[in-house]
């Protein structure tokens, strides 16, 4: 499998780690869209939300997003979680991931 996020998790591609536990890895986005932009991925490869089933530990993924927000000091003013699923939604790396964005006011709808 030629998955960039799997390579990051394995340590084959360098990243700036923010958080890690047994099932999740979180790192800074190299093209940030906000002052804080962290990507949170399950260590187990799941292509996207369309591939989620009972065996995927989404609770750990969401708990990790909350922990990243705490680590980054985003709790007071808020933050946005984004999951893109499929090409039309803007997913470019087909490994389920959550963008944790914060550090500035967010508008809606996004671009």
Protein backbone atom coordinates (compact mmCIF):
# COMPACT_ATOMS: atom_id res chain seq x y z
CA UNK A 1 0.00 0.00 0.00
CA UNK A 2 1.35 3.41 -0.96
CA UNK A 3 -0.42 5.55 1.65
CA UNK A 4 1.31 8.74 2.80
CA UNK A 5 -0.39 8.69 6.21
CA UNK A 6 0.60 5.04 6.79
CA UNK A 7 4.18 6.02 5.99
CA UNK A 8 3.96 8.93 8.47
CA UNK A 9 2.57 6.62 11.17
CA UNK A 10 5.39 4.12 10.52
CA UNK A 11 7.98 6.90 10.75
CA UNK A 12 9.09 6.47 7.13
CA UNK A 13 8.02 10.06 6.36
CA UNK A 14 8.87 12.75 8.93
CA UNK A 15 6.11 14.63 10.72
CA UNK A 16 5.67 17.04 13.59
CA UNK A 17 3.87 14.88 16.17
CA UNK A 18 1.32 16.53 18.43
CA UNK A 19 -0.25 13.45 20.04
CA UNK A 20 -0.05 9.67 19.86
CA UNK A 21 -1.62 6.72 21.60
CA UNK A 22 -2.06 3.03 20.74
CA UNK A 23 -4.68 3.65 18.03
CA UNK A 24 -4.27 7.26 16.85
CA UNK A 25 -1.50 9.54 15.57
CA UNK A 26 -1.80 13.34 15.28
CA UNK A 27 0.60 15.67 13.49
CA UNK A 28 0.81 19.22 12.14
CA UNK A 29 -0.40 19.81 8.59
CA UNK A 30 2.42 20.92 6.28
CA UNK A 31 0.02 23.28 4.48
CA UNK A 32 -1.94 24.81 7.39
CA UNK A 33 -5.26 26.51 6.72
CA UNK A 34 -5.41 28.07 10.20
CA UNK A 35 -2.89 29.00 12.91
CA UNK A 36 -3.54 25.54 14.39
CA UNK A 37 -4.03 22.78 11.83
CA UNK A 38 -3.46 19.26 13.09
CA UNK A 39 -4.34 16.05 11.26
CA UNK A 40 -5.57 13.15 13.40
CA UNK A 41 -5.47 9.68 11.83
CA UNK A 42 -6.29 6.18 13.00
CA UNK A 43 -3.20 3.97 12.94
CA UNK A 44 -5.26 1.26 11.28
CA UNK A 45 -5.73 2.13 7.60
CA UNK A 46 -9.33 3.01 6.76
CA UNK A 47 -9.84 4.63 3.35
CA UNK A 48 -12.50 7.12 4.47
CA UNK A 49 -15.85 7.48 6.23
CA UNK A 50 -17.49 5.36 3.53
CA UNK A 51 -15.30 2.44 4.68
CA UNK A 52 -16.06 2.78 8.40
CA UNK A 53 -17.66 -0.20 10.12
CA UNK A 54 -18.11 -1.62 13.63
CA UNK A 55 -14.45 -2.68 13.75
CA UNK A 56 -13.14 0.89 13.40
CA UNK A 57 -12.44 2.71 16.64
CA UNK A 58 -14.00 6.11 15.88
CA UNK A 59 -14.46 6.88 19.55
CA UNK A 60 -10.67 6.90 20.01
CA UNK A 61 -10.32 9.12 16.94
CA UNK A 62 -12.78 11.70 18.31
CA UNK A 63 -11.30 11.55 21.83
CA UNK A 64 -7.89 12.20 20.27
CA UNK A 65 -9.28 15.25 18.44
CA UNK A 66 -10.52 16.63 21.77
CA UNK A 67 -7.11 15.97 23.34
CA UNK A 68 -5.35 17.75 20.46
CA UNK A 69 -7.66 20.74 20.97
CA UNK A 70 -6.71 20.77 24.68
CA UNK A 71 -2.99 20.46 23.90
CA UNK A 72 -3.22 23.32 21.40
CA UNK A 73 -5.25 25.56 23.74
CA UNK A 74 -8.31 25.69 21.49
CA UNK A 75 -10.98 24.90 24.08
CA UNK A 76 -11.65 28.48 25.15
CA UNK A 77 -12.46 30.01 21.76
CA UNK A 78 -13.47 26.91 19.85
CA UNK A 79 -12.23 24.87 16.93
CA UNK A 80 -13.46 23.08 13.84
CA UNK A 81 -13.24 19.37 13.00
CA UNK A 82 -13.34 18.50 9.29
CA UNK A 83 -13.56 15.09 7.65
CA UNK A 84 -13.47 15.12 3.85
CA UNK A 85 -14.77 11.93 2.25
CA UNK A 86 -14.22 11.35 -1.45
CA UNK A 87 -12.72 13.45 -4.23
CA UNK A 88 -15.70 15.81 -4.55
CA UNK A 89 -15.35 16.69 -0.87
CA UNK A 90 -11.65 17.46 -1.26
CA UNK A 91 -10.16 14.24 0.12
CA UNK A 92 -6.70 13.89 -1.43
CA UNK A 93 -5.17 11.23 0.83
CA UNK A 94 -7.39 8.20 1.08
CA UNK A 95 -6.76 7.33 4.72
CA UNK A 96 -9.48 8.51 7.11
CA UNK A 97 -8.35 11.67 8.87
CA UNK A 98 -9.77 14.57 10.84
CA UNK A 99 -8.49 18.12 10.47
CA UNK A 100 -8.46 20.01 13.78
CA UNK A 101 -8.51 23.71 12.88
CA UNK A 102 -8.41 26.68 15.23
CA UNK A 103 -6.66 29.78 16.40
CA UNK A 104 -8.82 32.16 14.36
CA UNK A 105 -12.50 32.84 13.74
CA UNK A 106 -14.01 30.43 11.19
CA UNK A 107 -16.61 31.41 8.62
CA UNK A 108 -19.37 29.38 7.00
CA UNK A 109 -19.68 28.17 4.41
CA UNK A 110 -16.02 27.40 3.81
CA UNK A 111 -14.66 28.09 0.31
